[in-house]
C-alpha atoms as a PDB file:
ATOM      1  CA  MET A   1       0.000   0.000   0.000  1.00  0.00           C
ATOM      2  CA  SER A   2       2.873   2.307   0.808  1.00  0.00           C
ATOM      3  CA  ALA A   3       4.357   1.771  -2.661  1.00  0.00           C
ATOM      4  CA  LEU A   4       1.118   2.931  -4.266  1.00  0.00           C
ATOM      5  CA  CYS A   5       1.011   6.073  -2.129  1.00  0.00           C
ATOM      6  CA  GLN A   6       4.634   7.007  -2.818  1.00  0.00           C
ATOM      7  CA  HIS A   7       4.515   6.477  -6.597  1.00  0.00           C
ATOM      8  CA  LYS A   8       5.713   9.460  -8.619  1.00  0.00           C
ATOM      9  CA  GLU A   9       4.093  10.316 -11.949  1.00  0.00           C
ATOM     10  CA  GLY A  10       6.177   9.263 -14.934  1.00  0.00           C
ATOM     11  CA  LYS A  11       8.150   6.637 -13.002  1.00  0.00           C
ATOM     12  CA  LYS A  12       8.130   3.148 -14.615  1.00  0.00           C
ATOM     13  CA  THR A  13       6.028   0.514 -12.869  1.00  0.00           C
ATOM     14  CA  ASN A  14       5.489  -3.183 -13.504  1.00  0.00           C
ATOM     15  CA  MET A  15       1.709  -3.071 -13.152  1.00  0.00           C
ATOM     16  CA  LYS A  16       1.100  -4.247 -16.714  1.00  0.00           C
ATOM     17  CA  SER A  17       3.049  -7.464 -16.186  1.00  0.00           C
ATOM     18  CA  ILE A  18       1.416  -8.029 -12.777  1.00  0.00           C
ATOM     19  CA  VAL A  19      -2.086  -7.647 -14.237  1.00  0.00           C
ATOM     20  CA  MET A  20      -1.240  -9.908 -17.186  1.00  0.00           C
ATOM     21  CA  LEU A  21       0.134 -12.615 -14.866  1.00  0.00           C
ATOM     22  CA  TYR A  22      -3.002 -12.351 -12.701  1.00  0.00           C
ATOM     23  CA  LEU A  23      -5.277 -12.770 -15.741  1.00  0.00           C
ATOM     24  CA  LEU A  24      -3.200 -15.679 -17.058  1.00  0.00           C
ATOM     25  CA  ARG A  25      -3.300 -17.400 -13.671  1.00  0.00           C
ATOM     26  CA  THR A  26      -7.064 -16.920 -13.439  1.00  0.00           C
ATOM     27  CA  LEU A  27      -7.581 -18.375 -16.925  1.00  0.00           C
ATOM     28  CA  ILE A  28      -5.348 -21.399 -16.237  1.00  0.00           C
ATOM     29  CA  THR A  29      -7.031 -22.022 -12.882  1.00  0.00           C
ATOM     30  CA  GLY A  30     -10.444 -21.999 -14.542  1.00  0.00           C
ATOM     31  CA  MET A  31      -9.300 -24.464 -17.198  1.00  0.00           C
ATOM     32  CA  VAL A  32      -7.860 -26.789 -14.532  1.00  0.00           C
ATOM     33  CA  ALA A  33     -11.172 -26.645 -12.638  1.00  0.00           C
ATOM     34  CA  VAL A  34     -13.173 -27.527 -15.762  1.00  0.00           C
ATOM     35  CA  LEU A  35     -10.763 -30.350 -16.631  1.00  0.00           C
ATOM     36  CA  GLY A  36     -11.016 -31.670 -13.071  1.00  0.00           C
ATOM     37  CA  SER A  37     -14.798 -31.634 -13.203  1.00  0.00           C
ATOM     38  CA  PHE A  38     -14.698 -33.783 -16.365  1.00  0.00           C
ATOM     39  CA  LEU A  39     -12.073 -36.172 -14.979  1.00  0.00           C
ATOM     40  CA  PHE A  40     -13.816 -36.620 -11.611  1.00  0.00           C
ATOM     41  CA  PRO A  41     -17.567 -36.192 -12.167  1.00  0.00           C
ATOM     42  CA  VAL A  42     -19.799 -35.955  -9.108  1.00  0.00           C
ATOM     43  CA  LYS A  43     -23.354 -37.267  -9.032  1.00  0.00           C
ATOM     44  CA  LEU A  44     -25.720 -35.417  -6.704  1.00  0.00           C
ATOM     45  CA  THR A  45     -28.878 -37.113  -5.552  1.00  0.00           C
ATOM     46  CA  LEU A  46     -31.498 -34.697  -4.286  1.00  0.00           C
ATOM     47  CA  VAL A  47     -34.226 -35.906  -1.978  1.00  0.00           C
ATOM     48  CA  ALA A  48     -37.836 -34.766  -2.041  1.00  0.00           C
ATOM     49  CA  ARG A  49     -38.864 -32.069   0.395  1.00  0.00           C
ATOM     50  CA  ALA A  50     -40.368 -32.982   3.739  1.00  0.00           C
ATOM     51  CA  GLU A  51     -44.156 -33.157   3.819  1.00  0.00           C
ATOM     52  CA  GLY A  52     -46.153 -31.456   6.549  1.00  0.00           C
ATOM     53  CA  VAL A  53     -43.371 -29.133   7.718  1.00  0.00           C
ATOM     54  CA  THR A  54     -44.184 -25.424   8.050  1.00  0.00           C
ATOM     55  CA  PRO A  55     -41.553 -22.691   8.172  1.00  0.00           C
ATOM     56  CA  PRO A  56     -41.207 -20.478  11.267  1.00  0.00           C
ATOM     57  CA  GLY A  57     -43.763 -17.686  11.415  1.00  0.00           C
ATOM     58  CA  GLY A  58     -41.486 -14.830  12.510  1.00  0.00           C
ATOM     59  CA  VAL A  59     -39.085 -14.987   9.555  1.00  0.00           C
ATOM     60  CA  ARG A  60     -39.468 -12.260   6.949  1.00  0.00           C
END
């Protein structure tokens, strides 16, 4: 935070490379997550709702 406050106008920064690395990492992480979901599929079984149960009255 201090580095951002003390930055002088016209001085070279490495923000472009930092932002590009962040975007690249985010893209690669998303692709790994999608690949993982195809390699290890998960089957969810949902049960029917409970019959005869009423929600609390004071909740809005």
